[in-house]
Structure formats: structure tokens, C-alpha cells
Amino acid sequence: GDYFFHILMFLPWAFFSGVFKMKKIYWVLIGLLFAAGSEGLQYLLPWRAFNVNDLLANMLGILLGSSLLFLFKIRQKS
């Protein structure tokens, strides 16, 4: 259940790409770095715990959101 919420939290990242005028691949890469950084920061905080599964769920949310946006745009064109 916790990992599902991590995915949901990062899923909308791709849909904000229209706000910033940059190539989609760069936006996805920045999102992956942000997901890794937000989990990596927890490694430095004594009251938080780093979890590689959380990291993977964050990144999966970025990739899944980007895939959904891509499919949405393809469907919209046809």
C-alpha cells in the first residue's frame, strides 16, 4: 500500500511538462533525478529512513505518468 501512494504522488509529474517549455525527455530525466533526490535526502535525515523500494516506486510513478501522458496525446491526435 505504501508503494502505491509513492507511485501516485509522482504520477502527475509528467502532466506539468506543458507548463515548462522543454523537451519531454529532459522533463522525464529531471523527474527521475527529483524522485531519486527526494528519497536520497531521507538518507541524510536521522528521523527518516532510506528505502530502495520507495525509490523505485517514486521512479515508477514518473515513468508511468509519462507513459500515460504519451498515450493520452497519441489518442488525442487520432
C-alpha atoms as a PDB file:
ATOM      1  CA  GLY A   1       0.000   0.000   0.000  1.00  0.00           C
ATOM      2  CA  ASP A   2       2.777   2.462   0.835  1.00  0.00           C
ATOM      3  CA  TYR A   3       4.481   1.969  -2.522  1.00  0.00           C
ATOM      4  CA  PHE A   4       1.185   2.566  -4.318  1.00  0.00           C
ATOM      5  CA  PHE A   5       0.998   6.001  -2.691  1.00  0.00           C
ATOM      6  CA  HIS A   6       4.577   6.736  -3.716  1.00  0.00           C
ATOM      7  CA  ILE A   7       3.617   5.980  -7.314  1.00  0.00           C
ATOM      8  CA  LEU A   8       0.503   8.154  -7.066  1.00  0.00           C
ATOM      9  CA  MET A   9       2.482  11.013  -5.585  1.00  0.00           C
ATOM     10  CA  PHE A  10       4.902  11.160  -8.534  1.00  0.00           C
ATOM     11  CA  LEU A  11       2.410  10.226 -11.271  1.00  0.00           C
ATOM     12  CA  PRO A  12       1.335  13.840 -12.031  1.00  0.00           C
ATOM     13  CA  TRP A  13       4.926  14.960 -12.663  1.00  0.00           C
ATOM     14  CA  ALA A  14       4.628  14.355 -16.413  1.00  0.00           C
ATOM     15  CA  PHE A  15       1.447  16.376 -16.707  1.00  0.00           C
ATOM     16  CA  PHE A  16       3.293  19.506 -15.541  1.00  0.00           C
ATOM     17  CA  SER A  17       5.638  19.288 -18.520  1.00  0.00           C
ATOM     18  CA  GLY A  18       3.344  21.571 -20.522  1.00  0.00           C
ATOM     19  CA  VAL A  19       3.968  24.400 -18.069  1.00  0.00           C
ATOM     20  CA  PHE A  20       7.694  24.363 -18.771  1.00  0.00           C
ATOM     21  CA  LYS A  21       8.775  24.653 -22.395  1.00  0.00           C
ATOM     22  CA  MET A  22      11.376  21.904 -22.560  1.00  0.00           C
ATOM     23  CA  LYS A  23      11.717  18.600 -24.354  1.00  0.00           C
ATOM     24  CA  LYS A  24       9.757  15.772 -22.780  1.00  0.00           C
ATOM     25  CA  ILE A  25      12.806  13.532 -22.377  1.00  0.00           C
ATOM     26  CA  TYR A  26      14.566  16.220 -20.325  1.00  0.00           C
ATOM     27  CA  TRP A  27      11.472  16.648 -18.176  1.00  0.00           C
ATOM     28  CA  VAL A  28      11.381  12.881 -17.513  1.00  0.00           C
ATOM     29  CA  LEU A  29      15.096  12.848 -16.635  1.00  0.00           C
ATOM     30  CA  ILE A  30      14.665  15.795 -14.265  1.00  0.00           C
ATOM     31  CA  GLY A  31      11.716  13.947 -12.714  1.00  0.00           C
ATOM     32  CA  LEU A  32      13.790  10.815 -12.192  1.00  0.00           C
ATOM     33  CA  LEU A  33      16.527  12.887 -10.565  1.00  0.00           C
ATOM     34  CA  PHE A  34      13.952  14.609  -8.374  1.00  0.00           C
ATOM     35  CA  ALA A  35      12.480  11.255  -7.335  1.00  0.00           C
ATOM     36  CA  ALA A  36      15.935   9.922  -6.510  1.00  0.00           C
ATOM     37  CA  GLY A  37      16.902  13.109  -4.710  1.00  0.00           C
ATOM     38  CA  SER A  38      13.785  13.191  -2.566  1.00  0.00           C
ATOM     39  CA  GLU A  39      14.439   9.657  -1.406  1.00  0.00           C
ATOM     40  CA  GLY A  40      18.204  10.198  -1.137  1.00  0.00           C
ATOM     41  CA  LEU A  41      17.632  13.181   1.131  1.00  0.00           C
ATOM     42  CA  GLN A  42      15.956  10.856   3.608  1.00  0.00           C
ATOM     43  CA  TYR A  43      19.258   9.003   3.936  1.00  0.00           C
ATOM     44  CA  LEU A  44      20.758  12.158   5.479  1.00  0.00           C
ATOM     45  CA  LEU A  45      17.905  12.853   7.892  1.00  0.00           C
ATOM     46  CA  PRO A  46      18.140  10.961  11.195  1.00  0.00           C
ATOM     47  CA  TRP A  47      14.349  10.819  11.687  1.00  0.00           C
ATOM     48  CA  ARG A  48      13.714   9.390   8.193  1.00  0.00           C
ATOM     49  CA  ALA A  49      14.756   6.120   6.607  1.00  0.00           C
ATOM     50  CA  PHE A  50      16.049   5.493   3.093  1.00  0.00           C
ATOM     51  CA  ASN A  51      14.275   2.644   1.336  1.00  0.00           C
ATOM     52  CA  VAL A  52      15.287   1.440  -2.103  1.00  0.00           C
ATOM     53  CA  ASN A  53      11.731   0.191  -2.732  1.00  0.00           C
ATOM     54  CA  ASP A  54      10.410   3.706  -2.127  1.00  0.00           C
ATOM     55  CA  LEU A  55      12.993   4.993  -4.591  1.00  0.00           C
ATOM     56  CA  LEU A  56      11.845   2.503  -7.227  1.00  0.00           C
ATOM     57  CA  ALA A  57       8.189   3.356  -6.583  1.00  0.00           C
ATOM     58  CA  ASN A  58       8.955   7.082  -6.977  1.00  0.00           C
ATOM     59  CA  MET A  59      10.705   6.448 -10.279  1.00  0.00           C
ATOM     60  CA  LEU A  60       7.945   4.120 -11.434  1.00  0.00           C
ATOM     61  CA  GLY A  61       5.439   6.913 -10.770  1.00  0.00           C
ATOM     62  CA  ILE A  62       7.446   9.270 -13.007  1.00  0.00           C
ATOM     63  CA  LEU A  63       7.703   6.698 -15.797  1.00  0.00           C
ATOM     64  CA  LEU A  64       4.080   5.600 -15.537  1.00  0.00           C
ATOM     65  CA  GLY A  65       2.847   9.192 -15.591  1.00  0.00           C
ATOM     66  CA  SER A  66       4.998   9.930 -18.641  1.00  0.00           C
ATOM     67  CA  SER A  67       3.669   6.831 -20.396  1.00  0.00           C
ATOM     68  CA  LEU A  68       0.081   7.784 -19.635  1.00  0.00           C
ATOM     69  CA  LEU A  69       0.649  11.300 -20.948  1.00  0.00           C
ATOM     70  CA  PHE A  70       2.220   9.884 -24.115  1.00  0.00           C
ATOM     71  CA  LEU A  71      -0.732   7.530 -24.662  1.00  0.00           C
ATOM     72  CA  PHE A  72      -3.179  10.340 -23.956  1.00  0.00           C
ATOM     73  CA  LYS A  73      -1.542  12.576 -26.555  1.00  0.00           C
ATOM     74  CA  ILE A  74      -1.495   9.810 -29.173  1.00  0.00           C
ATOM     75  CA  ARG A  75      -5.162   9.071 -28.549  1.00  0.00           C
ATOM     76  CA  GLN A  76      -5.999  12.767 -28.739  1.00  0.00           C
ATOM     77  CA  LYS A  77      -4.381  13.116 -32.178  1.00  0.00           C
ATOM     78  CA  SER A  78      -6.403  10.292 -33.712  1.00  0.00           C
END
